[in-house]
Amino acid sequence: KYHKIIKGVCWNENGIEIPYFTYEQQPKFPGGTAAFKKYLKDNIPNNQNSNLEVIIKFFIDCNGKITDYEFIKKSNNPSLDVNIVTAIMSMPDWKPAKQENKNVGVWRTLPLKF
């Protein structure tokens, strides 16, 4: 009900009105957030009963492909870290982020708790 754009107007660099588009759009995993959570659960084996927190960031390029990653915080379990990297780098293509109606690459940070 609130915080939804009803309509808008955009202009190109020559001042000519063009069809409206959202200035900035975040990347989207195919199937949405629920599908992303399911993908992670299904693809990161976790046989530990521990309180581990891992933080990894990954790059989604302008075509929606995962092309890079970087750990911000690793677990104390090297095999778990390998499983996380494998799952991240094997993700299906995302719908890429957009700025000014053009596909752009973005970093996403993902905190994980085990």
PDB file of N, CA and C in Angstrom:
ATOM      1  N   LYS A   1       0.830  -1.183   0.000  1.00  0.00           N
ATOM      2  CA  LYS A   1       0.000   0.000   0.000  1.00  0.00           C
ATOM      3  C   LYS A   1       0.876   1.248   0.000  1.00  0.00           C
ATOM      4  N   TYR A   2       1.862   1.298   0.877  1.00  0.00           N
ATOM      5  CA  TYR A   2       2.749   2.453   0.924  1.00  0.00           C
ATOM      6  C   TYR A   2       4.089   2.104   0.300  1.00  0.00           C
ATOM      7  N   HIS A   3       4.823   3.101  -0.071  1.00  0.00           N
ATOM      8  CA  HIS A   3       6.168   2.956  -0.625  1.00  0.00           C
ATOM      9  C   HIS A   3       6.184   2.235  -1.965  1.00  0.00           C
ATOM     10  N   LYS A   4       5.109   2.340  -2.719  1.00  0.00           N
ATOM     11  CA  LYS A   4       5.071   1.785  -4.062  1.00  0.00           C
ATOM     12  C   LYS A   4       4.932   2.932  -5.045  1.00  0.00           C
ATOM     13  N   ILE A   5       5.710   2.879  -6.100  1.00  0.00           N
ATOM     14  CA  ILE A   5       5.607   3.892  -7.140  1.00  0.00           C
ATOM     15  C   ILE A   5       4.407   3.556  -8.006  1.00  0.00           C
ATOM     16  N   ILE A   6       3.512   4.509  -8.150  1.00  0.00           N
ATOM     17  CA  ILE A   6       2.317   4.318  -8.967  1.00  0.00           C
ATOM     18  C   ILE A   6       2.649   4.567 -10.439  1.00  0.00           C
ATOM     19  N   LYS A   7       3.332   5.665 -10.705  1.00  0.00           N
ATOM     20  CA  LYS A   7       3.760   5.966 -12.064  1.00  0.00           C
ATOM     21  C   LYS A   7       4.941   6.918 -11.990  1.00  0.00           C
ATOM     22  N   GLY A   8       5.634   7.044 -13.078  1.00  0.00           N
ATOM     23  CA  GLY A   8       6.789   7.934 -13.115  1.00  0.00           C
ATOM     24  C   GLY A   8       7.061   8.388 -14.530  1.00  0.00           C
ATOM     25  N   VAL A   9       7.976   9.306 -14.649  1.00  0.00           N
ATOM     26  CA  VAL A   9       8.370   9.837 -15.947  1.00  0.00           C
ATOM     27  C   VAL A   9       9.893   9.836 -16.002  1.00  0.00           C
ATOM     28  N   CYS A  10      10.431   9.440 -17.137  1.00  0.00           N
ATOM     29  CA  CYS A  10      11.877   9.489 -17.352  1.00  0.00           C
ATOM     30  C   CYS A  10      12.150  10.269 -18.633  1.00  0.00           C
ATOM     31  N   TRP A  11      13.342  10.845 -18.667  1.00  0.00           N
ATOM     32  CA  TRP A  11      13.786  11.547 -19.867  1.00  0.00           C
ATOM     33  C   TRP A  11      15.160  11.036 -20.244  1.00  0.00           C
ATOM     34  N   ASN A  12      15.432  11.022 -21.533  1.00  0.00           N
ATOM     35  CA  ASN A  12      16.777  10.625 -21.950  1.00  0.00           C
ATOM     36  C   ASN A  12      17.708  11.829 -21.886  1.00  0.00           C
ATOM     37  N   GLU A  13      18.961  11.647 -22.311  1.00  0.00           N
ATOM     38  CA  GLU A  13      19.945  12.726 -22.207  1.00  0.00           C
ATOM     39  C   GLU A  13      19.620  13.929 -23.089  1.00  0.00           C
ATOM     40  N   ASN A  14      18.698  13.760 -24.048  1.00  0.00           N
ATOM     41  CA  ASN A  14      18.279  14.874 -24.910  1.00  0.00           C
ATOM     42  C   ASN A  14      17.011  15.553 -24.409  1.00  0.00           C
ATOM     43  N   GLY A  15      16.526  15.125 -23.243  1.00  0.00           N
ATOM     44  CA  GLY A  15      15.320  15.726 -22.680  1.00  0.00           C
ATOM     45  C   GLY A  15      14.026  15.186 -23.253  1.00  0.00           C
ATOM     46  N   ILE A  16      14.102  14.100 -23.989  1.00  0.00           N
ATOM     47  CA  ILE A  16      12.906  13.497 -24.581  1.00  0.00           C
ATOM     48  C   ILE A  16      12.352  12.464 -23.609  1.00  0.00           C
ATOM     49  N   GLU A  17      11.032  12.533 -23.407  1.00  0.00           N
ATOM     50  CA  GLU A  17      10.386  11.595 -22.486  1.00  0.00           C
ATOM     51  C   GLU A  17      10.485  10.174 -23.039  1.00  0.00           C
ATOM     52  N   ILE A  18      10.845   9.243 -22.157  1.00  0.00           N
ATOM     53  CA  ILE A  18      10.954   7.833 -22.524  1.00  0.00           C
ATOM     54  C   ILE A  18      10.150   7.006 -21.520  1.00  0.00           C
ATOM     55  N   PRO A  19       9.880   5.732 -21.831  1.00  0.00           N
ATOM     56  CA  PRO A  19       9.121   4.913 -20.875  1.00  0.00           C
ATOM     57  C   PRO A  19       9.809   4.873 -19.510  1.00  0.00           C
ATOM     58  N   TYR A  20       9.005   4.893 -18.471  1.00  0.00           N
ATOM     59  CA  TYR A  20       9.510   4.908 -17.100  1.00  0.00           C
ATOM     60  C   TYR A  20      10.262   3.619 -16.777  1.00  0.00           C
ATOM     61  N   PHE A  21      11.338   3.742 -16.021  1.00  0.00           N
ATOM     62  CA  PHE A  21      12.053   2.597 -15.469  1.00  0.00           C
ATOM     63  C   PHE A  21      12.570   2.982 -14.096  1.00  0.00           C
ATOM     64  N   THR A  22      12.723   1.998 -13.231  1.00  0.00           N
ATOM     65  CA  THR A  22      13.280   2.232 -11.906  1.00  0.00           C
ATOM     66  C   THR A  22      14.759   2.530 -12.067  1.00  0.00           C
ATOM     67  N   TYR A  23      15.241   3.592 -11.420  1.00  0.00           N
ATOM     68  CA  TYR A  23      16.630   4.030 -11.580  1.00  0.00           C
ATOM     69  C   TYR A  23      17.615   2.934 -11.192  1.00  0.00           C
ATOM     70  N   GLU A  24      17.351   2.274 -10.072  1.00  0.00           N
ATOM     71  CA  GLU A  24      18.282   1.255  -9.584  1.00  0.00           C
ATOM     72  C   GLU A  24      17.498   0.006  -9.207  1.00  0.00           C
ATOM     73  N   GLN A  25      17.932  -1.126  -9.725  1.00  0.00           N
ATOM     74  CA  GLN A  25      17.294  -2.400  -9.400  1.00  0.00           C
ATOM     75  C   GLN A  25      18.358  -3.364  -8.887  1.00  0.00           C
ATOM     76  N   GLN A  26      18.044  -4.046  -7.817  1.00  0.00           N
ATOM     77  CA  GLN A  26      18.963  -5.016  -7.222  1.00  0.00           C
ATOM     78  C   GLN A  26      18.947  -6.312  -8.037  1.00  0.00           C
ATOM     79  N   PRO A  27      20.024  -7.091  -7.992  1.00  0.00           N
ATOM     80  CA  PRO A  27      20.024  -8.379  -8.687  1.00  0.00           C
ATOM     81  C   PRO A  27      19.026  -9.326  -8.028  1.00  0.00           C
ATOM     82  N   LYS A  28      18.525 -10.272  -8.822  1.00  0.00           N
ATOM     83  CA  LYS A  28      17.532 -11.211  -8.291  1.00  0.00           C
ATOM     84  C   LYS A  28      17.935 -12.637  -8.632  1.00  0.00           C
ATOM     85  N   PHE A  29      17.888 -13.472  -7.605  1.00  0.00           N
ATOM     86  CA  PHE A  29      18.129 -14.902  -7.796  1.00  0.00           C
ATOM     87  C   PHE A  29      16.904 -15.488  -8.486  1.00  0.00           C
ATOM     88  N   PRO A  30      17.085 -16.437  -9.437  1.00  0.00           N
ATOM     89  CA  PRO A  30      15.917 -17.016 -10.101  1.00  0.00           C
ATOM     90  C   PRO A  30      14.988 -17.698  -9.096  1.00  0.00           C
ATOM     91  N   GLY A  31      13.752 -17.276  -9.077  1.00  0.00           N
ATOM     92  CA  GLY A  31      12.781 -17.832  -8.140  1.00  0.00           C
ATOM     93  C   GLY A  31      12.640 -17.024  -6.866  1.00  0.00           C
ATOM     94  N   GLY A  32      13.488 -16.007  -6.687  1.00  0.00           N
ATOM     95  CA  GLY A  32      13.355 -15.107  -5.540  1.00  0.00           C
ATOM     96  C   GLY A  32      14.119 -15.555  -4.302  1.00  0.00           C
ATOM     97  N   THR A  33      13.828 -14.877  -3.204  1.00  0.00           N
ATOM     98  CA  THR A  33      14.541 -15.090  -1.944  1.00  0.00           C
ATOM     99  C   THR A  33      14.359 -16.506  -1.401  1.00  0.00           C
ATOM    100  N   ALA A  34      13.144 -17.019  -1.460  1.00  0.00           N
ATOM    101  CA  ALA A  34      12.893 -18.374  -0.945  1.00  0.00           C
ATOM    102  C   ALA A  34      13.711 -19.404  -1.729  1.00  0.00           C
ATOM    103  N   ALA A  35      13.787 -19.239  -3.036  1.00  0.00           N
ATOM    104  CA  ALA A  35      14.569 -20.163  -3.865  1.00  0.00           C
ATOM    105  C   ALA A  35      16.062 -20.041  -3.552  1.00  0.00           C
ATOM    106  N   PHE A  36      16.530 -18.821  -3.258  1.00  0.00           N
ATOM    107  CA  PHE A  36      17.935 -18.610  -2.900  1.00  0.00           C
ATOM    108  C   PHE A  36      18.258 -19.324  -1.594  1.00  0.00           C
ATOM    109  N   LYS A  37      17.396 -19.190  -0.594  1.00  0.00           N
ATOM    110  CA  LYS A  37      17.611 -19.865   0.693  1.00  0.00           C
ATOM    111  C   LYS A  37      17.622 -21.379   0.516  1.00  0.00           C
ATOM    112  N   LYS A  38      16.700 -21.880  -0.298  1.00  0.00           N
ATOM    113  CA  LYS A  38      16.638 -23.321  -0.550  1.00  0.00           C
ATOM    114  C   LYS A  38      17.911 -23.785  -1.269  1.00  0.00           C
ATOM    115  N   TYR A  39      18.357 -23.018  -2.237  1.00  0.00           N
ATOM    116  CA  TYR A  39      19.589 -23.371  -2.953  1.00  0.00           C
ATOM    117  C   TYR A  39      20.760 -23.495  -1.980  1.00  0.00           C
ATOM    118  N   LEU A  40      20.907 -22.519  -1.099  1.00  0.00           N
ATOM    119  CA  LEU A  40      22.011 -22.555  -0.134  1.00  0.00           C
ATOM    120  C   LEU A  40      21.895 -23.763   0.790  1.00  0.00           C
ATOM    121  N   LYS A  41      20.689 -24.011   1.284  1.00  0.00           N
ATOM    122  CA  LYS A  41      20.472 -25.147   2.195  1.00  0.00           C
ATOM    123  C   LYS A  41      20.778 -26.475   1.499  1.00  0.00           C
ATOM    124  N   ASP A  42      20.358 -26.587   0.246  1.00  0.00           N
ATOM    125  CA  ASP A  42      20.555 -27.830  -0.503  1.00  0.00           C
ATOM    126  C   ASP A  42      22.002 -28.035  -0.963  1.00  0.00           C
ATOM    127  N   ASN A  43      22.768 -26.951  -1.081  1.00  0.00           N
ATOM    128  CA  ASN A  43      24.087 -27.045  -1.701  1.00  0.00           C
ATOM    129  C   ASN A  43      25.271 -26.801  -0.778  1.00  0.00           C
ATOM    130  N   ILE A  44      24.998 -26.486   0.476  1.00  0.00           N
ATOM    131  CA  ILE A  44      26.095 -26.342   1.438  1.00  0.00           C
ATOM    132  C   ILE A  44      25.896 -27.380   2.529  1.00  0.00           C
ATOM    133  N   PRO A  45      26.557 -28.545   2.388  1.00  0.00           N
ATOM    134  CA  PRO A  45      26.412 -29.574   3.409  1.00  0.00           C
ATOM    135  C   PRO A  45      26.941 -29.075   4.749  1.00  0.00           C
ATOM    136  N   ASN A  46      26.182 -29.335   5.775  1.00  0.00           N
ATOM    137  CA  ASN A  46      26.612 -28.918   7.112  1.00  0.00           C
ATOM    138  C   ASN A  46      26.316 -30.043   8.083  1.00  0.00           C
ATOM    139  N   ASN A  47      27.339 -30.750   8.462  1.00  0.00           N
ATOM    140  CA  ASN A  47      27.185 -31.858   9.404  1.00  0.00           C
ATOM    141  C   ASN A  47      27.647 -31.484  10.796  1.00  0.00           C
ATOM    142  N   GLN A  48      27.773 -30.213  11.046  1.00  0.00           N
ATOM    143  CA  GLN A  48      28.279 -29.767  12.341  1.00  0.00           C
ATOM    144  C   GLN A  48      27.147 -29.254  13.211  1.00  0.00           C
ATOM    145  N   ASN A  49      27.288 -29.473  14.481  1.00  0.00           N
ATOM    146  CA  ASN A  49      26.397 -28.856  15.460  1.00  0.00           C
ATOM    147  C   ASN A  49      27.222 -27.810  16.185  1.00  0.00           C
ATOM    148  N   SER A  50      27.409 -26.702  15.541  1.00  0.00           N
ATOM    149  CA  SER A  50      28.269 -25.671  16.117  1.00  0.00           C
ATOM    150  C   SER A  50      27.712 -24.294  15.801  1.00  0.00           C
ATOM    151  N   ASN A  51      28.244 -23.320  16.468  1.00  0.00           N
ATOM    152  CA  ASN A  51      27.860 -21.937  16.208  1.00  0.00           C
ATOM    153  C   ASN A  51      28.935 -21.273  15.370  1.00  0.00           C
ATOM    154  N   LEU A  52      28.888 -21.526  14.083  1.00  0.00           N
ATOM    155  CA  LEU A  52      29.854 -20.928  13.171  1.00  0.00           C
ATOM    156  C   LEU A  52      29.178 -19.821  12.380  1.00  0.00           C
ATOM    157  N   GLU A  53      29.903 -18.739  12.210  1.00  0.00           N
ATOM    158  CA  GLU A  53      29.418 -17.670  11.343  1.00  0.00           C
ATOM    159  C   GLU A  53      30.449 -17.465  10.246  1.00  0.00           C
ATOM    160  N   VAL A  54      29.965 -17.430   9.027  1.00  0.00           N
ATOM    161  CA  VAL A  54      30.808 -17.197   7.865  1.00  0.00           C
ATOM    162  C   VAL A  54      30.221 -15.999   7.132  1.00  0.00           C
ATOM    163  N   ILE A  55      31.098 -15.131   6.652  1.00  0.00           N
ATOM    164  CA  ILE A  55      30.637 -14.010   5.836  1.00  0.00           C
ATOM    165  C   ILE A  55      31.444 -14.043   4.549  1.00  0.00           C
ATOM    166  N   ILE A  56      30.718 -14.121   3.445  1.00  0.00           N
ATOM    167  CA  ILE A  56      31.365 -14.161   2.133  1.00  0.00           C
ATOM    168  C   ILE A  56      30.690 -13.131   1.244  1.00  0.00           C
ATOM    169  N   LYS A  57      31.472 -12.492   0.401  1.00  0.00           N
ATOM    170  CA  LYS A  57      30.858 -11.617  -0.589  1.00  0.00           C
ATOM    171  C   LYS A  57      31.176 -12.181  -1.962  1.00  0.00           C
ATOM    172  N   PHE A  58      30.250 -11.961  -2.891  1.00  0.00           N
ATOM    173  CA  PHE A  58      30.424 -12.484  -4.236  1.00  0.00           C
ATOM    174  C   PHE A  58      29.987 -11.432  -5.247  1.00  0.00           C
ATOM    175  N   PHE A  59      30.583 -11.513  -6.439  1.00  0.00           N
ATOM    176  CA  PHE A  59      30.327 -10.526  -7.479  1.00  0.00           C
ATOM    177  C   PHE A  59      29.395 -11.108  -8.527  1.00  0.00           C
ATOM    178  N   ILE A  60      28.305 -10.386  -8.798  1.00  0.00           N
ATOM    179  CA  ILE A  60      27.356 -10.747  -9.852  1.00  0.00           C
ATOM    180  C   ILE A  60      27.631  -9.785 -11.007  1.00  0.00           C
ATOM    181  N   ASP A  61      28.101 -10.305 -12.140  1.00  0.00           N
ATOM    182  CA  ASP A  61      28.476  -9.410 -13.239  1.00  0.00           C
ATOM    183  C   ASP A  61      27.248  -8.910 -14.001  1.00  0.00           C
ATOM    184  N   CYS A  62      27.478  -8.111 -15.029  1.00  0.00           N
ATOM    185  CA  CYS A  62      26.368  -7.481 -15.754  1.00  0.00           C
ATOM    186  C   CYS A  62      25.538  -8.483 -16.558  1.00  0.00           C
ATOM    187  N   ASN A  63      25.991  -9.730 -16.642  1.00  0.00           N
ATOM    188  CA  ASN A  63      25.211 -10.789 -17.287  1.00  0.00           C
ATOM    189  C   ASN A  63      24.534 -11.700 -16.269  1.00  0.00           C
ATOM    190  N   GLY A  64      24.714 -11.404 -14.976  1.00  0.00           N
ATOM    191  CA  GLY A  64      24.093 -12.201 -13.925  1.00  0.00           C
ATOM    192  C   GLY A  64      24.931 -13.382 -13.466  1.00  0.00           C
ATOM    193  N   LYS A  65      26.151 -13.496 -13.958  1.00  0.00           N
ATOM    194  CA  LYS A  65      27.027 -14.614 -13.581  1.00  0.00           C
ATOM    195  C   LYS A  65      27.851 -14.268 -12.340  1.00  0.00           C
ATOM    196  N   ILE A  66      28.083 -15.274 -11.505  1.00  0.00           N
ATOM    197  CA  ILE A  66      28.962 -15.107 -10.346  1.00  0.00           C
ATOM    198  C   ILE A  66      30.386 -15.282 -10.857  1.00  0.00           C
ATOM    199  N   THR A  67      31.204 -14.245 -10.703  1.00  0.00           N
ATOM    200  CA  THR A  67      32.550 -14.298 -11.285  1.00  0.00           C
ATOM    201  C   THR A  67      33.670 -14.195 -10.255  1.00  0.00           C
ATOM    202  N   ASP A  68      33.349 -13.862  -9.013  1.00  0.00           N
ATOM    203  CA  ASP A  68      34.400 -13.692  -8.018  1.00  0.00           C
ATOM    204  C   ASP A  68      33.791 -13.828  -6.625  1.00  0.00           C
ATOM    205  N   TYR A  69      34.629 -14.081  -5.652  1.00  0.00           N
ATOM    206  CA  TYR A  69      34.182 -14.137  -4.259  1.00  0.00           C
ATOM    207  C   TYR A  69      35.329 -13.713  -3.361  1.00  0.00           C
ATOM    208  N   GLU A  70      34.982 -13.378  -2.133  1.00  0.00           N
ATOM    209  CA  GLU A  70      35.995 -13.037  -1.131  1.00  0.00           C
ATOM    210  C   GLU A  70      35.404 -13.309   0.247  1.00  0.00           C
ATOM    211  N   PHE A  71      36.136 -14.060   1.060  1.00  0.00           N
ATOM    212  CA  PHE A  71      35.689 -14.276   2.433  1.00  0.00           C
ATOM    213  C   PHE A  71      35.964 -13.020   3.254  1.00  0.00           C
ATOM    214  N   ILE A  72      34.982 -12.607   3.997  1.00  0.00           N
ATOM    215  CA  ILE A  72      35.172 -11.554   4.992  1.00  0.00           C
ATOM    216  C   ILE A  72      35.488 -12.215   6.327  1.00  0.00           C
ATOM    217  N   LYS A  73      34.818 -13.358   6.568  1.00  0.00           N
ATOM    218  CA  LYS A  73      35.070 -14.142   7.782  1.00  0.00           C
ATOM    219  C   LYS A  73      34.920 -15.618   7.429  1.00  0.00           C
ATOM    220  N   LYS A  74      35.996 -16.378   7.575  1.00  0.00           N
ATOM    221  CA  LYS A  74      35.959 -17.815   7.313  1.00  0.00           C
ATOM    222  C   LYS A  74      35.525 -18.567   8.567  1.00  0.00           C
ATOM    223  N   SER A  75      35.085 -19.812   8.345  1.00  0.00           N
ATOM    224  CA  SER A  75      34.806 -20.692   9.477  1.00  0.00           C
ATOM    225  C   SER A  75      36.136 -21.263   9.961  1.00  0.00           C
ATOM    226  N   ASN A  76      36.079 -22.077  10.984  1.00  0.00           N
ATOM    227  CA  ASN A  76      37.298 -22.773  11.420  1.00  0.00           C
ATOM    228  C   ASN A  76      37.349 -24.172  10.817  1.00  0.00           C
ATOM    229  N   ASN A  77      36.555 -24.377   9.763  1.00  0.00           N
ATOM    230  CA  ASN A  77      36.459 -25.676   9.110  1.00  0.00           C
ATOM    231  C   ASN A  77      36.755 -25.508   7.611  1.00  0.00           C
ATOM    232  N   PRO A  78      37.959 -25.863   7.167  1.00  0.00           N
ATOM    233  CA  PRO A  78      38.326 -25.670   5.758  1.00  0.00           C
ATOM    234  C   PRO A  78      37.390 -26.363   4.768  1.00  0.00           C
ATOM    235  N   SER A  79      36.896 -27.558   5.108  1.00  0.00           N
ATOM    236  CA  SER A  79      36.006 -28.249   4.166  1.00  0.00           C
ATOM    237  C   SER A  79      34.670 -27.519   4.030  1.00  0.00           C
ATOM    238  N   LEU A  80      34.182 -26.930   5.111  1.00  0.00           N
ATOM    239  CA  LEU A  80      32.955 -26.131   5.031  1.00  0.00           C
ATOM    240  C   LEU A  80      33.184 -24.916   4.136  1.00  0.00           C
ATOM    241  N   ASP A  81      34.324 -24.261   4.297  1.00  0.00           N
ATOM    242  CA  ASP A  81      34.636 -23.098   3.457  1.00  0.00           C
ATOM    243  C   ASP A  81      34.682 -23.483   1.978  1.00  0.00           C
ATOM    244  N   VAL A  82      35.257 -24.639   1.674  1.00  0.00           N
ATOM    245  CA  VAL A  82      35.304 -25.115   0.285  1.00  0.00           C
ATOM    246  C   VAL A  82      33.892 -25.365  -0.231  1.00  0.00           C
ATOM    247  N   ASN A  83      33.038 -25.986   0.595  1.00  0.00           N
ATOM    248  CA  ASN A  83      31.653 -26.238   0.185  1.00  0.00           C
ATOM    249  C   ASN A  83      30.906 -24.934  -0.086  1.00  0.00           C
ATOM    250  N   ILE A  84      31.163 -23.920   0.722  1.00  0.00           N
ATOM    251  CA  ILE A  84      30.514 -22.618   0.529  1.00  0.00           C
ATOM    252  C   ILE A  84      30.952 -22.008  -0.801  1.00  0.00           C
ATOM    253  N   VAL A  85      32.247 -22.018  -1.062  1.00  0.00           N
ATOM    254  CA  VAL A  85      32.760 -21.457  -2.321  1.00  0.00           C
ATOM    255  C   VAL A  85      32.183 -22.210  -3.515  1.00  0.00           C
ATOM    256  N   THR A  86      32.150 -23.531  -3.432  1.00  0.00           N
ATOM    257  CA  THR A  86      31.600 -24.333  -4.525  1.00  0.00           C
ATOM    258  C   THR A  86      30.146 -23.967  -4.787  1.00  0.00           C
ATOM    259  N   ALA A  87      29.357 -23.839  -3.732  1.00  0.00           N
ATOM    260  CA  ALA A  87      27.945 -23.479  -3.890  1.00  0.00           C
ATOM    261  C   ALA A  87      27.793 -22.081  -4.486  1.00  0.00           C
ATOM    262  N   ILE A  88      28.572 -21.131  -3.998  1.00  0.00           N
ATOM    263  CA  ILE A  88      28.472 -19.754  -4.493  1.00  0.00           C
ATOM    264  C   ILE A  88      28.859 -19.683  -5.972  1.00  0.00           C
ATOM    265  N   MET A  89      29.976 -20.278  -6.320  1.00  0.00           N
ATOM    266  CA  MET A  89      30.467 -20.181  -7.695  1.00  0.00           C
ATOM    267  C   MET A  89      29.658 -21.032  -8.680  1.00  0.00           C
ATOM    268  N   SER A  90      28.837 -21.956  -8.168  1.00  0.00           N
ATOM    269  CA  SER A  90      28.013 -22.815  -9.026  1.00  0.00           C
ATOM    270  C   SER A  90      26.572 -22.336  -9.129  1.00  0.00           C
ATOM    271  N   MET A  91      26.271 -21.209  -8.518  1.00  0.00           N
ATOM    272  CA  MET A  91      24.888 -20.720  -8.554  1.00  0.00           C
ATOM    273  C   MET A  91      24.430 -20.495  -9.989  1.00  0.00           C
ATOM    274  N   PRO A  92      23.131 -20.683 -10.229  1.00  0.00           N
ATOM    275  CA  PRO A  92      22.612 -20.327 -11.554  1.00  0.00           C
ATOM    276  C   PRO A  92      22.709 -18.809 -11.750  1.00  0.00           C
ATOM    277  N   ASP A  93      22.627 -18.397 -12.992  1.00  0.00           N
ATOM    278  CA  ASP A  93      22.701 -16.968 -13.295  1.00  0.00           C
ATOM    279  C   ASP A  93      21.560 -16.206 -12.628  1.00  0.00           C
ATOM    280  N   TRP A  94      21.904 -15.038 -12.112  1.00  0.00           N
ATOM    281  CA  TRP A  94      20.935 -14.131 -11.510  1.00  0.00           C
ATOM    282  C   TRP A  94      20.392 -13.195 -12.585  1.00  0.00           C
ATOM    283  N   LYS A  95      19.272 -12.558 -12.283  1.00  0.00           N
ATOM    284  CA  LYS A  95      18.836 -11.415 -13.080  1.00  0.00           C
ATOM    285  C   LYS A  95      19.741 -10.276 -12.620  1.00  0.00           C
ATOM    286  N   PRO A  96      20.517  -9.672 -13.532  1.00  0.00           N
ATOM    287  CA  PRO A  96      21.518  -8.699 -13.085  1.00  0.00           C
ATOM    288  C   PRO A  96      20.917  -7.423 -12.510  1.00  0.00           C
ATOM    289  N   ALA A  97      21.737  -6.736 -11.725  1.00  0.00           N
ATOM    290  CA  ALA A  97      21.359  -5.422 -11.199  1.00  0.00           C
ATOM    291  C   ALA A  97      21.322  -4.432 -12.358  1.00  0.00           C
ATOM    292  N   LYS A  98      20.569  -3.348 -12.147  1.00  0.00           N
ATOM    293  CA  LYS A  98      20.491  -2.300 -13.171  1.00  0.00           C
ATOM    294  C   LYS A  98      20.646  -0.941 -12.523  1.00  0.00           C
ATOM    295  N   GLN A  99      21.295  -0.061 -13.245  1.00  0.00           N
ATOM    296  CA  GLN A  99      21.341   1.355 -12.901  1.00  0.00           C
ATOM    297  C   GLN A  99      21.083   2.115 -14.188  1.00  0.00           C
ATOM    298  N   GLU A 100      20.168   3.059 -14.107  1.00  0.00           N
ATOM    299  CA  GLU A 100      19.763   3.834 -15.284  1.00  0.00           C
ATOM    300  C   GLU A 100      19.380   2.910 -16.435  1.00  0.00           C
ATOM    301  N   ASN A 101      18.691   1.830 -16.098  1.00  0.00           N
ATOM    302  CA  ASN A 101      18.174   0.851 -17.048  1.00  0.00           C
ATOM    303  C   ASN A 101      19.272   0.091 -17.804  1.00  0.00           C
ATOM    304  N   LYS A 102      20.497   0.078 -17.262  1.00  0.00           N
ATOM    305  CA  LYS A 102      21.599  -0.667 -17.867  1.00  0.00           C
ATOM    306  C   LYS A 102      22.101  -1.702 -16.866  1.00  0.00           C
ATOM    307  N   ASN A 103      22.386  -2.901 -17.359  1.00  0.00           N
ATOM    308  CA  ASN A 103      22.918  -3.952 -16.488  1.00  0.00           C
ATOM    309  C   ASN A 103      24.274  -3.535 -15.933  1.00  0.00           C
ATOM    310  N   VAL A 104      24.459  -3.768 -14.636  1.00  0.00           N
ATOM    311  CA  VAL A 104      25.732  -3.454 -13.979  1.00  0.00           C
ATOM    312  C   VAL A 104      26.128  -4.616 -13.073  1.00  0.00           C
ATOM    313  N   GLY A 105      27.409  -4.728 -12.816  1.00  0.00           N
ATOM    314  CA  GLY A 105      27.909  -5.720 -11.872  1.00  0.00           C
ATOM    315  C   GLY A 105      27.879  -5.163 -10.455  1.00  0.00           C
ATOM    316  N   VAL A 106      27.606  -6.031  -9.490  1.00  0.00           N
ATOM    317  CA  VAL A 106      27.554  -5.605  -8.085  1.00  0.00           C
ATOM    318  C   VAL A 106      28.106  -6.704  -7.179  1.00  0.00           C
ATOM    319  N   TRP A 107      28.642  -6.291  -6.033  1.00  0.00           N
ATOM    320  CA  TRP A 107      29.039  -7.215  -4.971  1.00  0.00           C
ATOM    321  C   TRP A 107      27.859  -7.404  -4.035  1.00  0.00           C
ATOM    322  N   ARG A 108      27.669  -8.618  -3.553  1.00  0.00           N
ATOM    323  CA  ARG A 108      26.663  -8.931  -2.538  1.00  0.00           C
ATOM    324  C   ARG A 108      27.373  -9.596  -1.375  1.00  0.00           C
ATOM    325  N   THR A 109      26.996  -9.229  -0.164  1.00  0.00           N
ATOM    326  CA  THR A 109      27.567  -9.827   1.046  1.00  0.00           C
ATOM    327  C   THR A 109      26.556 -10.791   1.634  1.00  0.00           C
ATOM    328  N   LEU A 110      27.026 -11.977   1.987  1.00  0.00           N
ATOM    329  CA  LEU A 110      26.154 -13.033   2.490  1.00  0.00           C
ATOM    330  C   LEU A 110      26.672 -13.554   3.824  1.00  0.00           C
ATOM    331  N   PRO A 111      25.968 -13.236   4.925  1.00  0.00           N
ATOM    332  CA  PRO A 111      26.324 -13.840   6.211  1.00  0.00           C
ATOM    333  C   PRO A 111      25.630 -15.202   6.327  1.00  0.00           C
ATOM    334  N   LEU A 112      26.358 -16.190   6.790  1.00  0.00           N
ATOM    335  CA  LEU A 112      25.815 -17.540   6.967  1.00  0.00           C
ATOM    336  C   LEU A 112      26.087 -17.998   8.390  1.00  0.00           C
ATOM    337  N   LYS A 113      25.100 -18.666   9.004  1.00  0.00           N
ATOM    338  CA  LYS A 113      25.275 -19.218  10.350  1.00  0.00           C
ATOM    339  C   LYS A 113      25.024 -20.707  10.294  1.00  0.00           C
ATOM    340  N   PHE A 114      25.905 -21.440  10.959  1.00  0.00           N
ATOM    341  CA  PHE A 114      25.789 -22.903  11.001  1.00  0.00           C
ATOM    342  C   PHE A 114      25.755 -23.377  12.431  1.00  0.00           C
TER     343      PHE A 114
END
